[in-house]
Amino acid sequence: MGASMTDISFLDNRVRIHLSAVETGGDLMLMEAIAPPGSQPPLHVHRDEDEGFYLLEGELTLWVGDETRTLQPGEFLLAPKQVPHTVRVGDRPARYLVTAGPGFEAFVRAVSALASPDPDDLARLAADQRIDLLGPPGMVPADLRDAA
């Protein structure tokens, strides 16, 4: 087994899918991401899939529900399905592994196929994979409580 090792662009990251969901019978995928300093995807929630983060280089701060944790190389954190989360890269580039299910892989591939996705494109493609975007980059789960 082993996915093609083609690098693709996903938001402001370079990613490589090491193991595709197709290769695991639809169970999970393993992706490596290289992200620039300060990179942060929109706050989101996966309705059907857990998402795991294993840091190889740099620093990642993750907000998962009420938990905030800064990972150092060699550390892992799981963002369970149905729990709002986001991740922010520290002050230098980060390289990390992501585990998730087939929906997230399909989302990554769909976004990477667009020349310049806008927020509406992202929301539509995410919704197609049962991923809800909850706010813009920079928003963390506590912002949801503050807005209520």
N, C-alpha and C. Protein backbone atom coordinates (compact mmCIF):
# COMPACT_ATOMS: atom_id res chain seq x y z
N MET A 1 0.84 -1.19 0.00
CA MET A 1 0.00 0.00 0.00
C MET A 1 0.87 1.24 0.00
N GLY A 2 0.31 2.34 -0.45
CA GLY A 2 0.99 3.62 -0.42
C GLY A 2 0.41 4.52 -1.49
N ALA A 3 -0.14 5.62 -1.08
CA ALA A 3 -0.75 6.57 -2.01
C ALA A 3 0.32 7.21 -2.87
N SER A 4 -0.09 7.74 -4.00
CA SER A 4 0.87 8.49 -4.79
C SER A 4 1.37 9.63 -3.93
N MET A 5 2.63 9.93 -4.09
CA MET A 5 3.26 10.90 -3.20
C MET A 5 3.28 12.29 -3.81
N THR A 6 2.20 12.68 -4.43
CA THR A 6 2.10 13.99 -5.05
C THR A 6 1.74 15.03 -4.01
N ASP A 7 2.51 16.11 -3.98
CA ASP A 7 2.18 17.22 -3.09
C ASP A 7 1.06 18.04 -3.73
N ILE A 8 0.13 18.49 -2.89
CA ILE A 8 -0.96 19.34 -3.36
C ILE A 8 -1.08 20.54 -2.42
N SER A 9 -1.70 21.60 -2.92
CA SER A 9 -1.96 22.78 -2.10
C SER A 9 -3.33 22.66 -1.48
N PHE A 10 -3.39 22.94 -0.19
CA PHE A 10 -4.66 22.94 0.53
C PHE A 10 -4.66 24.16 1.43
N LEU A 11 -5.50 25.13 1.11
CA LEU A 11 -5.51 26.43 1.78
C LEU A 11 -4.09 26.99 1.65
N ASP A 12 -3.41 27.31 2.76
CA ASP A 12 -2.04 27.83 2.65
C ASP A 12 -1.01 26.76 3.01
N ASN A 13 -1.40 25.50 2.96
CA ASN A 13 -0.51 24.37 3.30
C ASN A 13 -0.11 23.61 2.06
N ARG A 14 1.03 22.94 2.14
CA ARG A 14 1.41 21.91 1.17
C ARG A 14 1.13 20.59 1.87
N VAL A 15 0.40 19.71 1.21
CA VAL A 15 0.06 18.44 1.83
C VAL A 15 0.44 17.28 0.92
N ARG A 16 0.66 16.16 1.55
CA ARG A 16 0.94 14.91 0.85
C ARG A 16 0.11 13.83 1.52
N ILE A 17 -0.71 13.16 0.74
CA ILE A 17 -1.51 12.06 1.27
C ILE A 17 -0.68 10.80 1.18
N HIS A 18 -0.26 10.31 2.34
CA HIS A 18 0.57 9.11 2.41
C HIS A 18 -0.26 7.84 2.30
N LEU A 19 -1.46 7.87 2.83
CA LEU A 19 -2.34 6.71 2.82
C LEU A 19 -3.75 7.22 2.58
N SER A 20 -4.36 6.80 1.48
CA SER A 20 -5.68 7.30 1.15
C SER A 20 -6.77 6.42 1.76
N ALA A 21 -7.94 7.00 1.87
CA ALA A 21 -9.10 6.24 2.38
C ALA A 21 -9.43 5.08 1.46
N VAL A 22 -9.20 5.23 0.17
CA VAL A 22 -9.44 4.12 -0.76
C VAL A 22 -8.56 2.93 -0.38
N GLU A 23 -7.32 3.20 -0.02
CA GLU A 23 -6.38 2.13 0.32
C GLU A 23 -6.73 1.43 1.63
N THR A 24 -7.53 2.08 2.48
CA THR A 24 -7.90 1.47 3.76
C THR A 24 -9.35 1.01 3.77
N GLY A 25 -9.94 0.87 2.60
CA GLY A 25 -11.33 0.43 2.53
C GLY A 25 -12.29 1.46 3.07
N GLY A 26 -11.91 2.74 3.00
CA GLY A 26 -12.78 3.82 3.46
C GLY A 26 -12.69 4.11 4.94
N ASP A 27 -11.69 3.55 5.63
CA ASP A 27 -11.60 3.74 7.08
C ASP A 27 -10.90 5.04 7.48
N LEU A 28 -9.73 5.30 6.92
CA LEU A 28 -9.00 6.49 7.32
C LEU A 28 -7.99 6.88 6.27
N MET A 29 -7.45 8.08 6.43
CA MET A 29 -6.37 8.57 5.59
C MET A 29 -5.29 9.14 6.48
N LEU A 30 -4.08 9.19 5.95
CA LEU A 30 -2.94 9.79 6.65
C LEU A 30 -2.33 10.82 5.71
N MET A 31 -2.28 12.05 6.20
CA MET A 31 -1.80 13.16 5.40
C MET A 31 -0.71 13.89 6.17
N GLU A 32 0.32 14.33 5.45
CA GLU A 32 1.36 15.18 6.02
C GLU A 32 1.14 16.60 5.54
N ALA A 33 1.21 17.55 6.45
CA ALA A 33 1.02 18.96 6.09
C ALA A 33 2.26 19.76 6.47
N ILE A 34 2.61 20.70 5.62
CA ILE A 34 3.63 21.70 5.93
C ILE A 34 2.93 23.04 5.84
N ALA A 35 2.91 23.75 6.97
CA ALA A 35 2.13 24.98 7.07
C ALA A 35 3.02 26.15 7.48
N PRO A 36 2.75 27.34 6.94
CA PRO A 36 3.55 28.51 7.28
C PRO A 36 3.20 29.04 8.67
N PRO A 37 4.08 29.88 9.23
CA PRO A 37 3.79 30.48 10.53
C PRO A 37 2.43 31.18 10.53
N GLY A 38 1.67 30.99 11.62
CA GLY A 38 0.38 31.65 11.79
C GLY A 38 -0.77 31.01 11.04
N SER A 39 -0.51 30.00 10.25
CA SER A 39 -1.58 29.34 9.49
C SER A 39 -2.66 28.83 10.44
N GLN A 40 -3.92 29.06 10.07
CA GLN A 40 -5.04 28.57 10.87
C GLN A 40 -6.25 28.37 9.97
N PRO A 41 -6.78 27.15 9.90
CA PRO A 41 -8.01 26.94 9.13
C PRO A 41 -9.21 27.51 9.88
N PRO A 42 -10.33 27.62 9.20
CA PRO A 42 -11.55 28.07 9.90
C PRO A 42 -11.92 27.10 11.03
N LEU A 43 -12.52 27.63 12.06
CA LEU A 43 -13.10 26.81 13.11
C LEU A 43 -14.14 25.91 12.46
N HIS A 44 -14.10 24.63 12.79
CA HIS A 44 -15.00 23.69 12.11
C HIS A 44 -15.30 22.49 12.99
N VAL A 45 -16.27 21.70 12.55
CA VAL A 45 -16.62 20.46 13.24
C VAL A 45 -16.91 19.40 12.18
N HIS A 46 -16.34 18.22 12.40
CA HIS A 46 -16.62 17.07 11.54
C HIS A 46 -17.78 16.31 12.18
N ARG A 47 -18.86 16.13 11.46
CA ARG A 47 -20.01 15.44 12.03
C ARG A 47 -19.78 13.93 12.17
N ASP A 48 -18.95 13.35 11.28
CA ASP A 48 -18.82 11.89 11.24
C ASP A 48 -17.43 11.35 11.52
N GLU A 49 -16.41 12.19 11.60
CA GLU A 49 -15.03 11.70 11.64
C GLU A 49 -14.20 12.39 12.71
N ASP A 50 -13.37 11.61 13.39
CA ASP A 50 -12.35 12.16 14.26
C ASP A 50 -11.22 12.70 13.39
N GLU A 51 -10.47 13.66 13.90
CA GLU A 51 -9.29 14.18 13.21
C GLU A 51 -8.15 14.22 14.22
N GLY A 52 -7.03 13.57 13.88
CA GLY A 52 -5.89 13.51 14.78
C GLY A 52 -4.71 14.29 14.24
N PHE A 53 -3.92 14.86 15.15
CA PHE A 53 -2.77 15.69 14.79
C PHE A 53 -1.54 15.17 15.53
N TYR A 54 -0.48 14.84 14.78
CA TYR A 54 0.80 14.41 15.35
C TYR A 54 1.87 15.35 14.81
N LEU A 55 2.49 16.11 15.72
CA LEU A 55 3.45 17.14 15.31
C LEU A 55 4.84 16.55 15.10
N LEU A 56 5.42 16.85 13.93
CA LEU A 56 6.77 16.41 13.59
C LEU A 56 7.79 17.53 13.83
N GLU A 57 7.46 18.75 13.39
CA GLU A 57 8.37 19.90 13.52
C GLU A 57 7.55 21.15 13.79
N GLY A 58 8.12 22.09 14.54
CA GLY A 58 7.46 23.36 14.80
C GLY A 58 6.60 23.29 16.05
N GLU A 59 5.54 24.08 16.05
CA GLU A 59 4.63 24.16 17.19
C GLU A 59 3.21 24.37 16.66
N LEU A 60 2.26 23.65 17.26
CA LEU A 60 0.85 23.78 16.91
C LEU A 60 0.05 24.02 18.18
N THR A 61 -0.83 25.00 18.14
CA THR A 61 -1.79 25.17 19.23
C THR A 61 -3.13 24.71 18.69
N LEU A 62 -3.76 23.81 19.45
CA LEU A 62 -5.07 23.28 19.06
C LEU A 62 -6.11 23.71 20.08
N TRP A 63 -7.26 24.09 19.56
CA TRP A 63 -8.44 24.36 20.37
C TRP A 63 -9.44 23.27 20.02
N VAL A 64 -9.76 22.42 20.97
CA VAL A 64 -10.68 21.31 20.76
C VAL A 64 -11.74 21.42 21.85
N GLY A 65 -12.93 21.90 21.49
CA GLY A 65 -13.96 22.14 22.49
C GLY A 65 -13.44 23.13 23.52
N ASP A 66 -13.46 22.74 24.78
CA ASP A 66 -12.99 23.62 25.86
C ASP A 66 -11.50 23.49 26.14
N GLU A 67 -10.83 22.60 25.45
CA GLU A 67 -9.40 22.36 25.69
C GLU A 67 -8.55 23.16 24.72
N THR A 68 -7.49 23.76 25.24
CA THR A 68 -6.46 24.40 24.42
C THR A 68 -5.14 23.73 24.78
N ARG A 69 -4.44 23.29 23.76
CA ARG A 69 -3.17 22.61 24.03
C ARG A 69 -2.16 22.96 22.94
N THR A 70 -0.94 23.23 23.34
CA THR A 70 0.14 23.50 22.40
C THR A 70 1.01 22.26 22.31
N LEU A 71 1.09 21.72 21.09
CA LEU A 71 1.88 20.51 20.86
C LEU A 71 3.31 20.86 20.52
N GLN A 72 4.22 20.03 21.03
CA GLN A 72 5.63 20.07 20.67
C GLN A 72 5.90 18.82 19.83
N PRO A 73 7.01 18.79 19.07
CA PRO A 73 7.29 17.61 18.25
C PRO A 73 7.19 16.31 19.05
N GLY A 74 6.53 15.33 18.44
CA GLY A 74 6.34 14.02 19.07
C GLY A 74 5.05 13.90 19.84
N GLU A 75 4.24 14.97 19.90
CA GLU A 75 2.98 14.92 20.64
C GLU A 75 1.79 14.80 19.69
N PHE A 76 0.71 14.21 20.21
CA PHE A 76 -0.50 13.92 19.43
C PHE A 76 -1.72 14.46 20.17
N LEU A 77 -2.71 14.91 19.42
CA LEU A 77 -3.99 15.28 20.01
C LEU A 77 -5.10 14.89 19.04
N LEU A 78 -6.18 14.36 19.59
CA LEU A 78 -7.34 13.95 18.81
C LEU A 78 -8.45 14.98 18.95
N ALA A 79 -9.01 15.39 17.83
CA ALA A 79 -10.20 16.23 17.81
C ALA A 79 -11.37 15.30 17.48
N PRO A 80 -12.16 14.91 18.47
CA PRO A 80 -13.25 13.97 18.21
C PRO A 80 -14.33 14.56 17.31
N LYS A 81 -15.00 13.68 16.60
CA LYS A 81 -16.12 14.13 15.77
C LYS A 81 -17.13 14.86 16.64
N GLN A 82 -17.83 15.81 16.05
CA GLN A 82 -18.87 16.61 16.67
C GLN A 82 -18.35 17.60 17.72
N VAL A 83 -17.02 17.81 17.76
CA VAL A 83 -16.44 18.78 18.69
C VAL A 83 -15.76 19.88 17.86
N PRO A 84 -16.16 21.14 18.01
CA PRO A 84 -15.53 22.23 17.26
C PRO A 84 -14.03 22.30 17.56
N HIS A 85 -13.25 22.55 16.50
CA HIS A 85 -11.81 22.63 16.69
C HIS A 85 -11.15 23.45 15.58
N THR A 86 -9.95 23.89 15.89
CA THR A 86 -9.06 24.53 14.92
C THR A 86 -7.64 24.38 15.43
N VAL A 87 -6.70 24.72 14.59
CA VAL A 87 -5.29 24.58 14.90
C VAL A 87 -4.57 25.82 14.36
N ARG A 88 -3.58 26.31 15.11
CA ARG A 88 -2.79 27.46 14.63
C ARG A 88 -1.31 27.11 14.74
N VAL A 89 -0.58 27.38 13.66
CA VAL A 89 0.86 27.16 13.62
C VAL A 89 1.54 28.28 14.39
N GLY A 90 2.63 27.92 15.08
CA GLY A 90 3.41 28.90 15.85
C GLY A 90 4.16 29.88 14.96
N ASP A 91 5.29 30.40 15.48
CA ASP A 91 6.01 31.48 14.79
C ASP A 91 7.03 30.99 13.76
N ARG A 92 7.06 29.71 13.52
CA ARG A 92 7.87 29.17 12.43
C ARG A 92 7.07 28.06 11.74
N PRO A 93 7.45 27.65 10.54
CA PRO A 93 6.66 26.62 9.85
C PRO A 93 6.51 25.35 10.69
N ALA A 94 5.44 24.64 10.46
CA ALA A 94 5.20 23.38 11.16
C ALA A 94 4.99 22.27 10.13
N ARG A 95 5.40 21.08 10.54
CA ARG A 95 5.16 19.88 9.73
C ARG A 95 4.49 18.88 10.65
N TYR A 96 3.33 18.38 10.21
CA TYR A 96 2.57 17.49 11.07
C TYR A 96 1.77 16.49 10.24
N LEU A 97 1.38 15.41 10.91
CA LEU A 97 0.56 14.38 10.29
C LEU A 97 -0.88 14.56 10.74
N VAL A 98 -1.80 14.27 9.84
CA VAL A 98 -3.23 14.34 10.14
C VAL A 98 -3.84 12.99 9.79
N THR A 99 -4.61 12.45 10.72
CA THR A 99 -5.42 11.26 10.44
C THR A 99 -6.87 11.71 10.44
N ALA A 100 -7.63 11.15 9.53
CA ALA A 100 -9.06 11.47 9.44
C ALA A 100 -9.71 10.41 8.57
N GLY A 101 -10.99 10.59 8.33
CA GLY A 101 -11.74 9.65 7.51
C GLY A 101 -11.81 10.10 6.06
N PRO A 102 -12.56 9.36 5.27
CA PRO A 102 -12.63 9.64 3.84
C PRO A 102 -13.27 10.99 3.50
N GLY A 103 -14.15 11.49 4.34
CA GLY A 103 -14.78 12.78 4.05
C GLY A 103 -13.79 13.92 4.07
N PHE A 104 -12.88 13.90 5.04
CA PHE A 104 -11.89 14.97 5.10
C PHE A 104 -10.94 14.87 3.92
N GLU A 105 -10.55 13.67 3.55
CA GLU A 105 -9.68 13.52 2.38
C GLU A 105 -10.38 14.06 1.13
N ALA A 106 -11.65 13.74 0.95
CA ALA A 106 -12.39 14.24 -0.21
C ALA A 106 -12.45 15.77 -0.20
N PHE A 107 -12.63 16.36 0.98
CA PHE A 107 -12.65 17.82 1.11
C PHE A 107 -11.30 18.40 0.71
N VAL A 108 -10.21 17.84 1.22
CA VAL A 108 -8.86 18.33 0.89
C VAL A 108 -8.64 18.27 -0.62
N ARG A 109 -8.99 17.16 -1.22
CA ARG A 109 -8.77 17.01 -2.66
C ARG A 109 -9.64 17.99 -3.46
N ALA A 110 -10.88 18.20 -3.04
CA ALA A 110 -11.77 19.12 -3.75
C ALA A 110 -11.28 20.56 -3.65
N VAL A 111 -10.86 20.97 -2.46
CA VAL A 111 -10.36 22.34 -2.28
C VAL A 111 -9.08 22.54 -3.08
N SER A 112 -8.20 21.54 -3.07
CA SER A 112 -6.93 21.68 -3.79
C SER A 112 -7.13 21.77 -5.30
N ALA A 113 -8.25 21.28 -5.80
CA ALA A 113 -8.52 21.33 -7.24
C ALA A 113 -8.96 22.72 -7.71
N LEU A 114 -9.33 23.59 -6.77
CA LEU A 114 -9.77 24.94 -7.12
C LEU A 114 -8.57 25.88 -7.18
N ALA A 115 -8.56 26.76 -8.16
CA ALA A 115 -7.45 27.70 -8.31
C ALA A 115 -7.37 28.65 -7.11
N SER A 116 -8.50 29.18 -6.71
CA SER A 116 -8.53 30.16 -5.62
C SER A 116 -9.88 30.07 -4.90
N PRO A 117 -10.02 29.11 -3.98
CA PRO A 117 -11.33 28.94 -3.33
C PRO A 117 -11.70 30.14 -2.47
N ASP A 118 -12.96 30.55 -2.57
CA ASP A 118 -13.45 31.63 -1.72
C ASP A 118 -14.22 31.01 -0.55
N PRO A 119 -14.61 31.80 0.44
CA PRO A 119 -15.32 31.25 1.60
C PRO A 119 -16.57 30.46 1.24
N ASP A 120 -17.30 30.89 0.21
CA ASP A 120 -18.50 30.15 -0.20
C ASP A 120 -18.14 28.77 -0.76
N ASP A 121 -17.06 28.72 -1.56
CA ASP A 121 -16.58 27.43 -2.07
C ASP A 121 -16.22 26.50 -0.92
N LEU A 122 -15.45 27.03 0.04
CA LEU A 122 -15.03 26.21 1.18
C LEU A 122 -16.23 25.68 1.95
N ALA A 123 -17.19 26.54 2.22
CA ALA A 123 -18.38 26.12 2.99
C ALA A 123 -19.16 25.05 2.24
N ARG A 124 -19.32 25.23 0.94
CA ARG A 124 -20.07 24.25 0.13
C ARG A 124 -19.35 22.91 0.09
N LEU A 125 -18.05 22.92 -0.19
CA LEU A 125 -17.28 21.68 -0.27
C LEU A 125 -17.22 20.98 1.08
N ALA A 126 -17.10 21.76 2.15
CA ALA A 126 -17.09 21.17 3.50
C ALA A 126 -18.44 20.52 3.78
N ALA A 127 -19.52 21.23 3.51
CA ALA A 127 -20.87 20.69 3.77
C ALA A 127 -21.10 19.39 3.00
N ASP A 128 -20.54 19.30 1.79
CA ASP A 128 -20.68 18.07 1.01
C ASP A 128 -20.09 16.87 1.74
N GLN A 129 -19.13 17.11 2.64
CA GLN A 129 -18.47 16.03 3.38
C GLN A 129 -18.87 16.01 4.86
N ARG A 130 -19.97 16.69 5.17
CA ARG A 130 -20.50 16.73 6.54
C ARG A 130 -19.50 17.36 7.52
N ILE A 131 -18.85 18.42 7.04
CA ILE A 131 -17.97 19.25 7.85
C ILE A 131 -18.62 20.63 7.88
N ASP A 132 -18.83 21.16 9.07
CA ASP A 132 -19.46 22.47 9.22
C ASP A 132 -18.39 23.50 9.56
N LEU A 133 -18.26 24.54 8.72
CA LEU A 133 -17.38 25.66 9.03
C LEU A 133 -18.15 26.60 9.93
N LEU A 134 -17.56 26.90 11.10
CA LEU A 134 -18.28 27.66 12.13
C LEU A 134 -17.87 29.11 12.20
N GLY A 135 -16.80 29.46 11.53
CA GLY A 135 -16.34 30.84 11.58
C GLY A 135 -15.09 31.01 10.76
N PRO A 136 -14.61 32.23 10.65
CA PRO A 136 -13.44 32.52 9.83
C PRO A 136 -12.15 32.09 10.52
N PRO A 137 -11.05 32.02 9.76
CA PRO A 137 -9.76 31.77 10.41
C PRO A 137 -9.54 32.79 11.53
N GLY A 138 -8.98 32.33 12.62
CA GLY A 138 -8.77 33.18 13.80
C GLY A 138 -9.78 32.93 14.90
N MET A 139 -10.92 32.38 14.55
CA MET A 139 -11.96 32.08 15.53
C MET A 139 -11.63 30.77 16.25
N VAL A 140 -11.90 30.72 17.56
CA VAL A 140 -11.67 29.52 18.37
C VAL A 140 -12.99 29.12 19.04
N PRO A 141 -13.09 27.90 19.56
CA PRO A 141 -14.37 27.46 20.14
C PRO A 141 -14.94 28.39 21.21
N ALA A 142 -14.11 29.01 22.02
CA ALA A 142 -14.63 29.91 23.06
C ALA A 142 -15.42 31.06 22.46
N ASP A 143 -15.09 31.45 21.21
CA ASP A 143 -15.84 32.52 20.56
C ASP A 143 -17.29 32.14 20.34
N LEU A 144 -17.57 30.84 20.19
CA LEU A 144 -18.97 30.37 20.04
C LEU A 144 -19.75 30.61 21.33
N ARG A 145 -19.12 30.34 22.47
CA ARG A 145 -19.78 30.57 23.77
C ARG A 145 -20.01 32.06 23.99
N ASP A 146 -19.02 32.87 23.64
CA ASP A 146 -19.13 34.31 23.86
C ASP A 146 -20.24 34.93 23.03
N ALA A 147 -20.51 34.33 21.85
CA ALA A 147 -21.54 34.87 20.95
C ALA A 147 -22.94 34.45 21.37
N ALA A 148 -23.04 33.41 22.21
CA ALA A 148 -24.37 32.89 22.61
C ALA A 148 -25.05 33.78 23.60
